[in-house]
Amino acid sequence: MKKLTIALISGGTSTERMVSIAGGDHVYNALNNELYRVVRYDPKIDLGLLVADAKKIDVAFVVMHGLFGEDGSIQGLLDLLDIPYQCTGVLGSALAMNKLASKRVYEQKGLPVPPYTVLNQDDKVDLIALEERFGLPLVVKPVTGGSSIGMKIVRSKNAVKEAVEYAFKYDKTVLIEKYIKGVEITAGVLGNNSMTALPIIEIIPGDSYDFFNYEAKYKKGATREICPARTSDFLTQKAQNYGKEAHRALFCKGYSRTDMIIEGNDIYLLETNTIPGMTPTSLFPLAAKTAGLPFDKLLDKLIELCVA
C-alpha cells in the first residue's frame, strides 16, 4: 500500500504561533509512519517550498490558529494548489474566525448568543448606556483571533475603557457582551454532511483565573476538564444539537468545536473553532478519546474525511 504524503502545516505568524507549533509536534508524533510520509511546513518561512512541492503532496493537515491560518488564508492557497485538507474551507473558516460574522449566522439560524454590541476604533464608549443595557460584569474582546487573546472580563465601569483599548491592540473591531455567569462547556463535532457529536466537556478554570484565558487553556493542570460534562441528559443533547447546527450553519468540514455557556436550562453559543487545538492538553482530542477514538485514530479519521 502506497504511503500518503502529508504536508503538516503549523507555525505561521499569528499570536497563536507557539500553540500551533506545539499542536503540530503532537500531530507529527502521532501520525502512523506506516501509512504516511509526513513533511512539515511553517508558513512563516516555507510557503515557497509548499508551493514547489504541491504536486508531491496528497493531503495537507493544517494545525494553524489565528490570522493567516484559521481564517481561510492558508485554505485558499491549498485550494489553488489542488491539495485537499482536513479542516473547513475558505468561507467557513473566515466566518468562524470573525466573531461578529459568526454571531450573525447563529442568530439567523435561531441559535442563542449573549446580548452584544460592536465598537469600531472611532466610536465613543458610552459607559452609562453599556451598564443600562448589559449590567456588569461585561466581556470585552477583539472580533478576530482565538485562545482568548485580547479578552477581558470587566467588573467595574472604570475598567471598561482600558479593556476596550487592550482589545483594539488585536483588532480594529471589538465586541462587548453581556457576561453570562454559568457553566462553560464545549461541544465537538466530527464529520462533513454526516456528523457525529462528541461527548460534551465541562471547563473549570483554576481559582487563580478569572476565565478560561490563554494560560488556563494551555498550562498543564491550570484547568479541570470533565468529560463527559456533569450536565443533565436534556442539556447534553441540547448542547450537542447546537454544536451540530453551528457546524452546519458555518459550512464546517472535518471537525469543529463550539464553545458555550450554560445558565439554568439555557445555553448560549460563544464561538466555533474550525481547527480545534491539537496539543496534549487540547479539548477536542479529549472528547474524541472519551468517545473511544484515540488520538492517532482521530487523525486517520480526519484524513479519511478530507479525501472521501
C-alpha atoms as a PDB file:
ATOM      1  CA  MET A   1       0.000   0.000   0.000  1.00  0.00           C
ATOM      2  CA  LYS A   2       1.414   3.370  -1.077  1.00  0.00           C
ATOM      3  CA  LYS A   3       2.007   5.838   1.732  1.00  0.00           C
ATOM      4  CA  LEU A   4       0.133   9.124   1.562  1.00  0.00           C
ATOM      5  CA  THR A   5       2.377  12.188   1.576  1.00  0.00           C
ATOM      6  CA  ILE A   6       1.062  14.524   4.269  1.00  0.00           C
ATOM      7  CA  ALA A   7       2.001  18.197   4.380  1.00  0.00           C
ATOM      8  CA  LEU A   8       1.805  19.025   8.092  1.00  0.00           C
ATOM      9  CA  ILE A   9       1.360  22.792   8.284  1.00  0.00           C
ATOM     10  CA  SER A  10       1.903  24.591  11.591  1.00  0.00           C
ATOM     11  CA  GLY A  11       3.531  27.736  12.939  1.00  0.00           C
ATOM     12  CA  GLY A  12       2.703  30.870  10.969  1.00  0.00           C
ATOM     13  CA  THR A  13       2.782  34.473  12.134  1.00  0.00           C
ATOM     14  CA  SER A  14      -0.280  34.879  14.376  1.00  0.00           C
ATOM     15  CA  THR A  15      -0.259  35.485  18.136  1.00  0.00           C
ATOM     16  CA  GLU A  16      -1.020  31.749  18.476  1.00  0.00           C
ATOM     17  CA  ARG A  17       2.150  30.640  16.682  1.00  0.00           C
ATOM     18  CA  MET A  18       3.585  28.675  19.615  1.00  0.00           C
ATOM     19  CA  VAL A  19       0.317  26.825  20.230  1.00  0.00           C
ATOM     20  CA  SER A  20       0.249  25.935  16.547  1.00  0.00           C
ATOM     21  CA  ILE A  21       3.796  24.576  16.691  1.00  0.00           C
ATOM     22  CA  ALA A  22       3.020  22.550  19.829  1.00  0.00           C
ATOM     23  CA  GLY A  23      -0.052  21.100  18.145  1.00  0.00           C
ATOM     24  CA  GLY A  24       1.975  20.300  15.046  1.00  0.00           C
ATOM     25  CA  ASP A  25       4.555  18.467  17.157  1.00  0.00           C
ATOM     26  CA  HIS A  26       1.814  16.387  18.789  1.00  0.00           C
ATOM     27  CA  VAL A  27       0.243  15.510  15.434  1.00  0.00           C
ATOM     28  CA  TYR A  28       3.625  14.680  13.881  1.00  0.00           C
ATOM     29  CA  ASN A  29       4.472  12.256  16.679  1.00  0.00           C
ATOM     30  CA  ALA A  30       1.075  10.533  16.437  1.00  0.00           C
ATOM     31  CA  LEU A  31       0.729  10.096  12.666  1.00  0.00           C
ATOM     32  CA  ASN A  32       1.293   6.480  11.645  1.00  0.00           C
ATOM     33  CA  ASN A  33       4.570   6.332   9.715  1.00  0.00           C
ATOM     34  CA  GLU A  34       3.481   3.051   8.126  1.00  0.00           C
ATOM     35  CA  LEU A  35       0.605   4.892   6.430  1.00  0.00           C
ATOM     36  CA  TYR A  36       2.009   8.379   5.896  1.00  0.00           C
ATOM     37  CA  ARG A  37       5.122  10.170   4.762  1.00  0.00           C
ATOM     38  CA  VAL A  38       4.989  13.439   6.703  1.00  0.00           C
ATOM     39  CA  VAL A  39       6.698  16.656   5.598  1.00  0.00           C
ATOM     40  CA  ARG A  40       6.443  19.710   7.849  1.00  0.00           C
ATOM     41  CA  TYR A  41       5.924  23.266   6.626  1.00  0.00           C
ATOM     42  CA  ASP A  42       5.889  26.511   8.607  1.00  0.00           C
ATOM     43  CA  PRO A  43       4.071  29.216   6.593  1.00  0.00           C
ATOM     44  CA  LYS A  44       6.288  31.857   8.189  1.00  0.00           C
ATOM     45  CA  ILE A  45       9.260  30.559   6.197  1.00  0.00           C
ATOM     46  CA  ASP A  46       8.106  27.680   3.967  1.00  0.00           C
ATOM     47  CA  LEU A  47       5.300  28.976   1.727  1.00  0.00           C
ATOM     48  CA  GLY A  48       7.503  28.905  -1.382  1.00  0.00           C
ATOM     49  CA  LEU A  49       8.593  25.361  -0.582  1.00  0.00           C
ATOM     50  CA  LEU A  50       4.972  24.286  -0.050  1.00  0.00           C
ATOM     51  CA  VAL A  51       4.027  25.660  -3.474  1.00  0.00           C
ATOM     52  CA  ALA A  52       7.042  23.991  -5.090  1.00  0.00           C
ATOM     53  CA  ASP A  53       6.198  20.627  -3.501  1.00  0.00           C
ATOM     54  CA  ALA A  54       2.462  20.785  -4.238  1.00  0.00           C
ATOM     55  CA  LYS A  55       2.378  18.070  -6.898  1.00  0.00           C
ATOM     56  CA  LYS A  56       4.020  15.598  -4.499  1.00  0.00           C
ATOM     57  CA  ILE A  57       1.514  16.216  -1.680  1.00  0.00           C
ATOM     58  CA  ASP A  58      -1.576  14.027  -1.253  1.00  0.00           C
ATOM     59  CA  VAL A  59      -3.145  15.735   1.778  1.00  0.00           C
ATOM     60  CA  ALA A  60      -2.439  18.775   3.937  1.00  0.00           C
ATOM     61  CA  PHE A  61      -3.010  18.565   7.674  1.00  0.00           C
ATOM     62  CA  VAL A  62      -3.380  22.140   8.891  1.00  0.00           C
ATOM     63  CA  VAL A  63      -2.654  22.858  12.559  1.00  0.00           C
ATOM     64  CA  MET A  64      -2.889  26.633  12.398  1.00  0.00           C
ATOM     65  CA  HIS A  65      -4.623  29.068  14.739  1.00  0.00           C
ATOM     66  CA  GLY A  66      -5.466  32.744  14.457  1.00  0.00           C
ATOM     67  CA  LEU A  67      -4.999  35.031  11.477  1.00  0.00           C
ATOM     68  CA  PHE A  68      -3.434  33.728   8.265  1.00  0.00           C
ATOM     69  CA  GLY A  69      -4.100  30.145   9.332  1.00  0.00           C
ATOM     70  CA  GLU A  70      -7.564  29.647  10.741  1.00  0.00           C
ATOM     71  CA  ASP A  71      -9.226  32.475   8.816  1.00  0.00           C
ATOM     72  CA  GLY A  72      -9.257  30.858   5.372  1.00  0.00           C
ATOM     73  CA  SER A  73      -5.942  32.253   4.103  1.00  0.00           C
ATOM     74  CA  ILE A  74      -3.964  29.009   4.019  1.00  0.00           C
ATOM     75  CA  GLN A  75      -7.088  27.131   2.922  1.00  0.00           C
ATOM     76  CA  GLY A  76      -7.364  29.384  -0.144  1.00  0.00           C
ATOM     77  CA  LEU A  77      -3.756  28.681  -1.056  1.00  0.00           C
ATOM     78  CA  LEU A  78      -4.311  24.932  -0.706  1.00  0.00           C
ATOM     79  CA  ASP A  79      -7.396  25.185  -2.930  1.00  0.00           C
ATOM     80  CA  LEU A  80      -5.309  26.934  -5.589  1.00  0.00           C
ATOM     81  CA  LEU A  81      -2.705  24.184  -5.300  1.00  0.00           C
ATOM     82  CA  ASP A  82      -5.426  21.497  -5.524  1.00  0.00           C
ATOM     83  CA  ILE A  83      -4.357  19.947  -2.198  1.00  0.00           C
ATOM     84  CA  PRO A  84      -7.180  18.539  -0.026  1.00  0.00           C
ATOM     85  CA  TYR A  85      -7.034  19.377   3.693  1.00  0.00           C
ATOM     86  CA  GLN A  86      -8.665  18.098   6.860  1.00  0.00           C
ATOM     87  CA  CYS A  87     -10.374  21.287   8.025  1.00  0.00           C
ATOM     88  CA  THR A  88     -13.074  23.752   6.999  1.00  0.00           C
ATOM     89  CA  GLY A  89     -12.720  25.660   3.728  1.00  0.00           C
ATOM     90  CA  VAL A  90     -12.280  29.360   2.988  1.00  0.00           C
ATOM     91  CA  LEU A  91     -15.867  30.512   3.579  1.00  0.00           C
ATOM     92  CA  GLY A  92     -16.481  28.670   6.849  1.00  0.00           C
ATOM     93  CA  SER A  93     -13.029  29.481   8.190  1.00  0.00           C
ATOM     94  CA  ALA A  94     -13.494  33.206   7.533  1.00  0.00           C
ATOM     95  CA  LEU A  95     -16.976  33.232   9.068  1.00  0.00           C
ATOM     96  CA  ALA A  96     -15.942  31.412  12.227  1.00  0.00           C
ATOM     97  CA  MET A  97     -12.788  33.483  12.733  1.00  0.00           C
ATOM     98  CA  ASN A  98     -14.854  36.670  12.761  1.00  0.00           C
ATOM     99  CA  LYS A  99     -16.908  36.505  15.963  1.00  0.00           C
ATOM    100  CA  LEU A 100     -19.330  39.158  14.734  1.00  0.00           C
ATOM    101  CA  ALA A 101     -19.995  37.339  11.448  1.00  0.00           C
ATOM    102  CA  SER A 102     -20.472  34.008  13.233  1.00  0.00           C
ATOM    103  CA  LYS A 103     -22.843  35.583  15.775  1.00  0.00           C
ATOM    104  CA  ARG A 104     -24.971  36.910  12.945  1.00  0.00           C
ATOM    105  CA  VAL A 105     -25.057  33.456  11.358  1.00  0.00           C
ATOM    106  CA  TYR A 106     -26.016  31.886  14.720  1.00  0.00           C
ATOM    107  CA  GLU A 107     -28.804  34.435  15.150  1.00  0.00           C
ATOM    108  CA  GLN A 108     -30.091  33.847  11.618  1.00  0.00           C
ATOM    109  CA  LYS A 109     -30.338  30.138  12.441  1.00  0.00           C
ATOM    110  CA  GLY A 110     -32.097  30.811  15.757  1.00  0.00           C
ATOM    111  CA  LEU A 111     -29.107  29.821  17.884  1.00  0.00           C
ATOM    112  CA  PRO A 112     -28.897  31.833  21.138  1.00  0.00           C
ATOM    113  CA  VAL A 113     -25.943  34.147  21.814  1.00  0.00           C
ATOM    114  CA  PRO A 114     -25.225  36.550  24.697  1.00  0.00           C
ATOM    115  CA  PRO A 115     -26.524  40.084  24.051  1.00  0.00           C
ATOM    116  CA  TYR A 116     -23.748  42.165  22.493  1.00  0.00           C
ATOM    117  CA  THR A 117     -22.736  45.395  20.821  1.00  0.00           C
ATOM    118  CA  VAL A 118     -19.898  46.326  18.480  1.00  0.00           C
ATOM    119  CA  LEU A 119     -17.308  49.098  18.712  1.00  0.00           C
ATOM    120  CA  ASN A 120     -15.095  50.455  15.960  1.00  0.00           C
ATOM    121  CA  GLN A 121     -11.963  52.446  16.743  1.00  0.00           C
ATOM    122  CA  ASP A 122     -13.590  55.847  16.237  1.00  0.00           C
ATOM    123  CA  ASP A 123     -16.661  55.023  18.351  1.00  0.00           C
ATOM    124  CA  LYS A 124     -17.207  56.677  21.698  1.00  0.00           C
ATOM    125  CA  VAL A 125     -17.561  54.305  24.670  1.00  0.00           C
ATOM    126  CA  ASP A 126     -20.839  55.189  26.389  1.00  0.00           C
ATOM    127  CA  LEU A 127     -20.382  53.701  29.855  1.00  0.00           C
ATOM    128  CA  ILE A 128     -23.857  54.619  31.081  1.00  0.00           C
ATOM    129  CA  ALA A 129     -25.566  53.040  28.070  1.00  0.00           C
ATOM    130  CA  LEU A 130     -23.457  49.885  28.371  1.00  0.00           C
ATOM    131  CA  GLU A 131     -24.312  49.441  32.044  1.00  0.00           C
ATOM    132  CA  GLU A 132     -28.005  50.097  31.436  1.00  0.00           C
ATOM    133  CA  ARG A 133     -28.140  47.599  28.587  1.00  0.00           C
ATOM    134  CA  PHE A 134     -25.919  44.805  29.870  1.00  0.00           C
ATOM    135  CA  GLY A 135     -25.166  45.449  33.522  1.00  0.00           C
ATOM    136  CA  LEU A 136     -21.828  44.401  34.972  1.00  0.00           C
ATOM    137  CA  PRO A 137     -19.602  42.449  34.501  1.00  0.00           C
ATOM    138  CA  LEU A 138     -19.010  42.865  30.761  1.00  0.00           C
ATOM    139  CA  VAL A 139     -16.961  40.740  28.371  1.00  0.00           C
ATOM    140  CA  VAL A 140     -14.698  42.727  26.043  1.00  0.00           C
ATOM    141  CA  LYS A 141     -12.847  41.004  23.209  1.00  0.00           C
ATOM    142  CA  PRO A 142     -11.466  41.565  19.708  1.00  0.00           C
ATOM    143  CA  VAL A 143     -13.676  40.360  16.865  1.00  0.00           C
ATOM    144  CA  THR A 144     -10.965  38.153  15.363  1.00  0.00           C
ATOM    145  CA  GLY A 145      -8.385  35.857  16.933  1.00  0.00           C
ATOM    146  CA  GLY A 146      -8.542  32.926  19.281  1.00  0.00           C
ATOM    147  CA  SER A 147      -7.285  31.449  22.548  1.00  0.00           C
ATOM    148  CA  SER A 148      -8.968  34.354  24.407  1.00  0.00           C
ATOM    149  CA  ILE A 149      -6.096  36.657  23.414  1.00  0.00           C
ATOM    150  CA  GLY A 150      -7.118  40.296  23.894  1.00  0.00           C
ATOM    151  CA  MET A 151     -10.152  39.391  26.012  1.00  0.00           C
ATOM    152  CA  LYS A 152     -11.023  40.753  29.449  1.00  0.00           C
ATOM    153  CA  ILE A 153     -13.927  40.442  31.870  1.00  0.00           C
ATOM    154  CA  VAL A 154     -14.722  43.920  33.208  1.00  0.00           C
ATOM    155  CA  ARG A 155     -16.300  44.183  36.645  1.00  0.00           C
ATOM    156  CA  SER A 156     -16.380  47.987  37.050  1.00  0.00           C
ATOM    157  CA  LYS A 157     -17.200  50.932  34.781  1.00  0.00           C
ATOM    158  CA  ASN A 158     -13.750  52.397  35.434  1.00  0.00           C
ATOM    159  CA  ALA A 159     -12.096  49.385  33.770  1.00  0.00           C
ATOM    160  CA  VAL A 160     -14.140  49.388  30.547  1.00  0.00           C
ATOM    161  CA  LYS A 161     -12.040  51.872  28.565  1.00  0.00           C
ATOM    162  CA  GLU A 162      -8.795  50.109  29.457  1.00  0.00           C
ATOM    163  CA  ALA A 163     -10.257  46.742  28.358  1.00  0.00           C
ATOM    164  CA  VAL A 164     -11.504  48.237  25.099  1.00  0.00           C
ATOM    165  CA  GLU A 165      -8.100  49.786  24.353  1.00  0.00           C
ATOM    166  CA  TYR A 166      -6.456  46.451  25.110  1.00  0.00           C
ATOM    167  CA  ALA A 167      -8.795  44.600  22.716  1.00  0.00           C
ATOM    168  CA  PHE A 168      -8.133  47.196  19.993  1.00  0.00           C
ATOM    169  CA  LYS A 169      -4.468  46.178  20.059  1.00  0.00           C
ATOM    170  CA  TYR A 170      -5.556  42.917  18.406  1.00  0.00           C
ATOM    171  CA  ASP A 171      -8.317  44.085  16.057  1.00  0.00           C
ATOM    172  CA  LYS A 172      -9.937  47.204  14.618  1.00  0.00           C
ATOM    173  CA  THR A 173     -13.357  45.994  15.819  1.00  0.00           C
ATOM    174  CA  VAL A 174     -14.283  44.998  19.369  1.00  0.00           C
ATOM    175  CA  LEU A 175     -17.230  43.080  20.800  1.00  0.00           C
ATOM    176  CA  ILE A 176     -18.779  43.926  24.148  1.00  0.00           C
ATOM    177  CA  GLU A 177     -21.031  41.176  25.517  1.00  0.00           C
ATOM    178  CA  LYS A 178     -23.257  40.694  28.496  1.00  0.00           C
ATOM    179  CA  TYR A 179     -21.455  38.431  30.968  1.00  0.00           C
ATOM    180  CA  ILE A 180     -23.283  35.139  31.392  1.00  0.00           C
ATOM    181  CA  LYS A 181     -22.498  33.533  34.738  1.00  0.00           C
ATOM    182  CA  GLY A 182     -22.784  29.816  34.289  1.00  0.00           C
ATOM    183  CA  VAL A 183     -21.021  26.602  33.363  1.00  0.00           C
ATOM    184  CA  GLU A 184     -18.653  26.779  30.411  1.00  0.00           C
ATOM    185  CA  ILE A 185     -18.778  23.794  28.065  1.00  0.00           C
ATOM    186  CA  THR A 186     -17.534  22.885  24.629  1.00  0.00           C
ATOM    187  CA  ALA A 187     -19.150  20.650  22.023  1.00  0.00           C
ATOM    188  CA  GLY A 188     -17.033  18.842  19.437  1.00  0.00           C
ATOM    189  CA  VAL A 189     -18.396  17.644  16.107  1.00  0.00           C
ATOM    190  CA  LEU A 190     -16.723  15.202  13.730  1.00  0.00           C
ATOM    191  CA  GLY A 191     -17.795  14.806  10.113  1.00  0.00           C
ATOM    192  CA  ASN A 192     -18.881  16.567   6.950  1.00  0.00           C
ATOM    193  CA  ASN A 193     -22.515  16.267   5.899  1.00  0.00           C
ATOM    194  CA  SER A 194     -22.948  13.301   8.221  1.00  0.00           C
ATOM    195  CA  MET A 195     -21.936  14.473  11.690  1.00  0.00           C
ATOM    196  CA  THR A 196     -21.113  12.807  14.996  1.00  0.00           C
ATOM    197  CA  ALA A 197     -21.478  14.862  18.176  1.00  0.00           C
ATOM    198  CA  LEU A 198     -18.717  14.050  20.658  1.00  0.00           C
ATOM    199  CA  PRO A 199     -19.158  13.995  24.452  1.00  0.00           C
ATOM    200  CA  ILE A 200     -19.550  17.450  25.991  1.00  0.00           C
ATOM    201  CA  ILE A 201     -16.629  18.803  28.039  1.00  0.00           C
ATOM    202  CA  GLU A 202     -17.151  20.913  31.162  1.00  0.00           C
ATOM    203  CA  ILE A 203     -14.419  23.516  31.659  1.00  0.00           C
ATOM    204  CA  ILE A 204     -13.453  24.694  35.144  1.00  0.00           C
ATOM    205  CA  PRO A 205     -10.501  27.146  35.235  1.00  0.00           C
ATOM    206  CA  GLY A 206      -8.425  27.204  38.429  1.00  0.00           C
ATOM    207  CA  ASP A 207      -9.236  29.679  41.187  1.00  0.00           C
ATOM    208  CA  SER A 208      -6.439  31.995  40.079  1.00  0.00           C
ATOM    209  CA  TYR A 209      -8.059  32.543  36.669  1.00  0.00           C
ATOM    210  CA  ASP A 210     -10.913  34.972  36.057  1.00  0.00           C
ATOM    211  CA  PHE A 211     -11.946  32.980  32.985  1.00  0.00           C
ATOM    212  CA  PHE A 212     -10.635  30.340  30.555  1.00  0.00           C
ATOM    213  CA  ASN A 213      -7.818  32.564  29.274  1.00  0.00           C
ATOM    214  CA  TYR A 214      -4.686  31.722  27.280  1.00  0.00           C
ATOM    215  CA  GLU A 215      -2.692  30.380  30.234  1.00  0.00           C
ATOM    216  CA  ALA A 216      -5.668  28.464  31.624  1.00  0.00           C
ATOM    217  CA  LYS A 217      -6.077  26.824  28.213  1.00  0.00           C
ATOM    218  CA  TYR A 218      -2.514  25.661  27.713  1.00  0.00           C
ATOM    219  CA  LYS A 219      -0.791  25.397  31.092  1.00  0.00           C
ATOM    220  CA  LYS A 220      -0.958  21.810  32.245  1.00  0.00           C
ATOM    221  CA  GLY A 221      -3.086  21.445  35.368  1.00  0.00           C
ATOM    222  CA  ALA A 222      -4.423  25.022  35.242  1.00  0.00           C
ATOM    223  CA  THR A 223      -7.941  23.917  34.345  1.00  0.00           C
ATOM    224  CA  ARG A 224     -10.156  20.952  35.160  1.00  0.00           C
ATOM    225  CA  GLU A 225     -11.781  19.420  32.099  1.00  0.00           C
ATOM    226  CA  ILE A 226     -14.565  16.994  32.883  1.00  0.00           C
ATOM    227  CA  CYS A 227     -15.647  14.720  30.059  1.00  0.00           C
ATOM    228  CA  PRO A 228     -18.435  13.807  29.815  1.00  0.00           C
ATOM    229  CA  ALA A 229     -19.692  17.032  31.389  1.00  0.00           C
ATOM    230  CA  ARG A 230     -21.813  16.841  34.544  1.00  0.00           C
ATOM    231  CA  THR A 231     -24.923  18.032  32.747  1.00  0.00           C
ATOM    232  CA  SER A 232     -28.407  16.559  32.501  1.00  0.00           C
ATOM    233  CA  ASP A 233     -29.309  14.400  29.516  1.00  0.00           C
ATOM    234  CA  PHE A 234     -31.534  17.246  28.325  1.00  0.00           C
ATOM    235  CA  LEU A 235     -28.738  19.846  28.379  1.00  0.00           C
ATOM    236  CA  THR A 236     -26.198  17.406  26.932  1.00  0.00           C
ATOM    237  CA  GLN A 237     -28.402  16.657  23.942  1.00  0.00           C
ATOM    238  CA  LYS A 238     -29.251  20.345  23.541  1.00  0.00           C
ATOM    239  CA  ALA A 239     -25.557  21.318  23.503  1.00  0.00           C
ATOM    240  CA  GLN A 240     -24.692  18.540  21.057  1.00  0.00           C
ATOM    241  CA  ASN A 241     -27.513  19.617  18.754  1.00  0.00           C
ATOM    242  CA  TYR A 242     -26.324  23.228  18.946  1.00  0.00           C
ATOM    243  CA  GLY A 243     -22.799  22.074  18.095  1.00  0.00           C
ATOM    244  CA  LYS A 244     -24.046  20.260  15.003  1.00  0.00           C
ATOM    245  CA  GLU A 245     -26.250  23.191  13.968  1.00  0.00           C
ATOM    246  CA  ALA A 246     -23.306  25.597  14.302  1.00  0.00           C
ATOM    247  CA  HIS A 247     -21.083  23.201  12.315  1.00  0.00           C
ATOM    248  CA  ARG A 248     -23.651  23.107   9.524  1.00  0.00           C
ATOM    249  CA  ALA A 249     -24.506  26.826   9.607  1.00  0.00           C
ATOM    250  CA  LEU A 250     -20.845  27.872   9.306  1.00  0.00           C
ATOM    251  CA  PHE A 251     -20.141  25.389   6.486  1.00  0.00           C
ATOM    252  CA  CYS A 252     -17.654  23.458   8.615  1.00  0.00           C
ATOM    253  CA  LYS A 253     -15.973  20.310   7.383  1.00  0.00           C
ATOM    254  CA  GLY A 254     -13.930  17.636   9.100  1.00  0.00           C
ATOM    255  CA  TYR A 255     -14.349  18.835  12.646  1.00  0.00           C
ATOM    256  CA  SER A 256     -15.315  21.805  14.766  1.00  0.00           C
ATOM    257  CA  ARG A 257     -15.629  22.722  18.414  1.00  0.00           C
ATOM    258  CA  THR A 258     -18.215  25.208  19.624  1.00  0.00           C
ATOM    259  CA  ASP A 259     -17.788  26.891  23.000  1.00  0.00           C
ATOM    260  CA  MET A 260     -20.934  27.608  25.022  1.00  0.00           C
ATOM    261  CA  ILE A 261     -22.188  28.767  28.423  1.00  0.00           C
ATOM    262  CA  ILE A 262     -24.988  27.058  30.348  1.00  0.00           C
ATOM    263  CA  GLU A 263     -27.175  29.283  32.530  1.00  0.00           C
ATOM    264  CA  GLY A 264     -30.019  27.338  34.117  1.00  0.00           C
ATOM    265  CA  ASN A 265     -31.709  25.489  31.254  1.00  0.00           C
ATOM    266  CA  ASP A 266     -30.437  27.979  28.659  1.00  0.00           C
ATOM    267  CA  ILE A 267     -27.321  27.562  26.545  1.00  0.00           C
ATOM    268  CA  TYR A 268     -25.576  30.445  24.781  1.00  0.00           C
ATOM    269  CA  LEU A 269     -23.113  29.982  21.927  1.00  0.00           C
ATOM    270  CA  LEU A 270     -19.818  31.883  22.190  1.00  0.00           C
ATOM    271  CA  GLU A 271     -17.747  30.860  19.173  1.00  0.00           C
ATOM    272  CA  THR A 272     -16.866  27.979  16.876  1.00  0.00           C
ATOM    273  CA  ASN A 273     -13.308  26.759  16.323  1.00  0.00           C
ATOM    274  CA  THR A 274     -12.738  25.334  12.832  1.00  0.00           C
ATOM    275  CA  ILE A 275      -9.276  23.979  13.686  1.00  0.00           C
ATOM    276  CA  PRO A 276      -9.588  22.791  17.287  1.00  0.00           C
ATOM    277  CA  GLY A 277      -6.365  22.603  19.266  1.00  0.00           C
ATOM    278  CA  MET A 278      -4.197  19.509  18.897  1.00  0.00           C
ATOM    279  CA  THR A 279      -1.795  19.924  21.825  1.00  0.00           C
ATOM    280  CA  PRO A 280      -1.612  17.284  24.597  1.00  0.00           C
ATOM    281  CA  THR A 281      -3.930  19.468  26.741  1.00  0.00           C
ATOM    282  CA  SER A 282      -6.426  20.303  23.985  1.00  0.00           C
ATOM    283  CA  LEU A 283     -10.152  19.671  24.328  1.00  0.00           C
ATOM    284  CA  PHE A 284     -11.170  18.089  21.032  1.00  0.00           C
ATOM    285  CA  PRO A 285      -8.771  15.125  21.353  1.00  0.00           C
ATOM    286  CA  LEU A 286     -10.074  14.597  24.921  1.00  0.00           C
ATOM    287  CA  ALA A 287     -13.675  14.430  23.682  1.00  0.00           C
ATOM    288  CA  ALA A 288     -12.683  12.050  20.870  1.00  0.00           C
ATOM    289  CA  LYS A 289     -10.776   9.813  23.301  1.00  0.00           C
ATOM    290  CA  THR A 290     -13.800   9.729  25.624  1.00  0.00           C
ATOM    291  CA  ALA A 291     -15.889   8.637  22.634  1.00  0.00           C
ATOM    292  CA  GLY A 292     -13.464   5.748  22.044  1.00  0.00           C
ATOM    293  CA  LEU A 293     -11.307   7.373  19.354  1.00  0.00           C
ATOM    294  CA  PRO A 294      -7.645   7.640  20.433  1.00  0.00           C
ATOM    295  CA  PHE A 295      -5.537  10.470  19.021  1.00  0.00           C
ATOM    296  CA  ASP A 296      -3.835   8.528  16.220  1.00  0.00           C
ATOM    297  CA  LYS A 297      -7.182   7.132  15.045  1.00  0.00           C
ATOM    298  CA  LEU A 298      -8.722  10.614  15.205  1.00  0.00           C
ATOM    299  CA  LEU A 299      -6.010  11.835  12.826  1.00  0.00           C
ATOM    300  CA  ASP A 300      -6.683   8.896  10.499  1.00  0.00           C
ATOM    301  CA  LYS A 301     -10.401   9.740  10.522  1.00  0.00           C
ATOM    302  CA  LEU A 302      -9.782  13.409   9.685  1.00  0.00           C
ATOM    303  CA  ILE A 303      -7.543  12.442   6.779  1.00  0.00           C
ATOM    304  CA  GLU A 304     -10.151   9.951   5.596  1.00  0.00           C
ATOM    305  CA  LEU A 305     -12.870  12.632   5.717  1.00  0.00           C
ATOM    306  CA  CYS A 306     -10.916  15.054   3.550  1.00  0.00           C
ATOM    307  CA  VAL A 307     -10.106  12.563   0.791  1.00  0.00           C
ATOM    308  CA  ALA A 308     -13.507  10.842   0.740  1.00  0.00           C
END
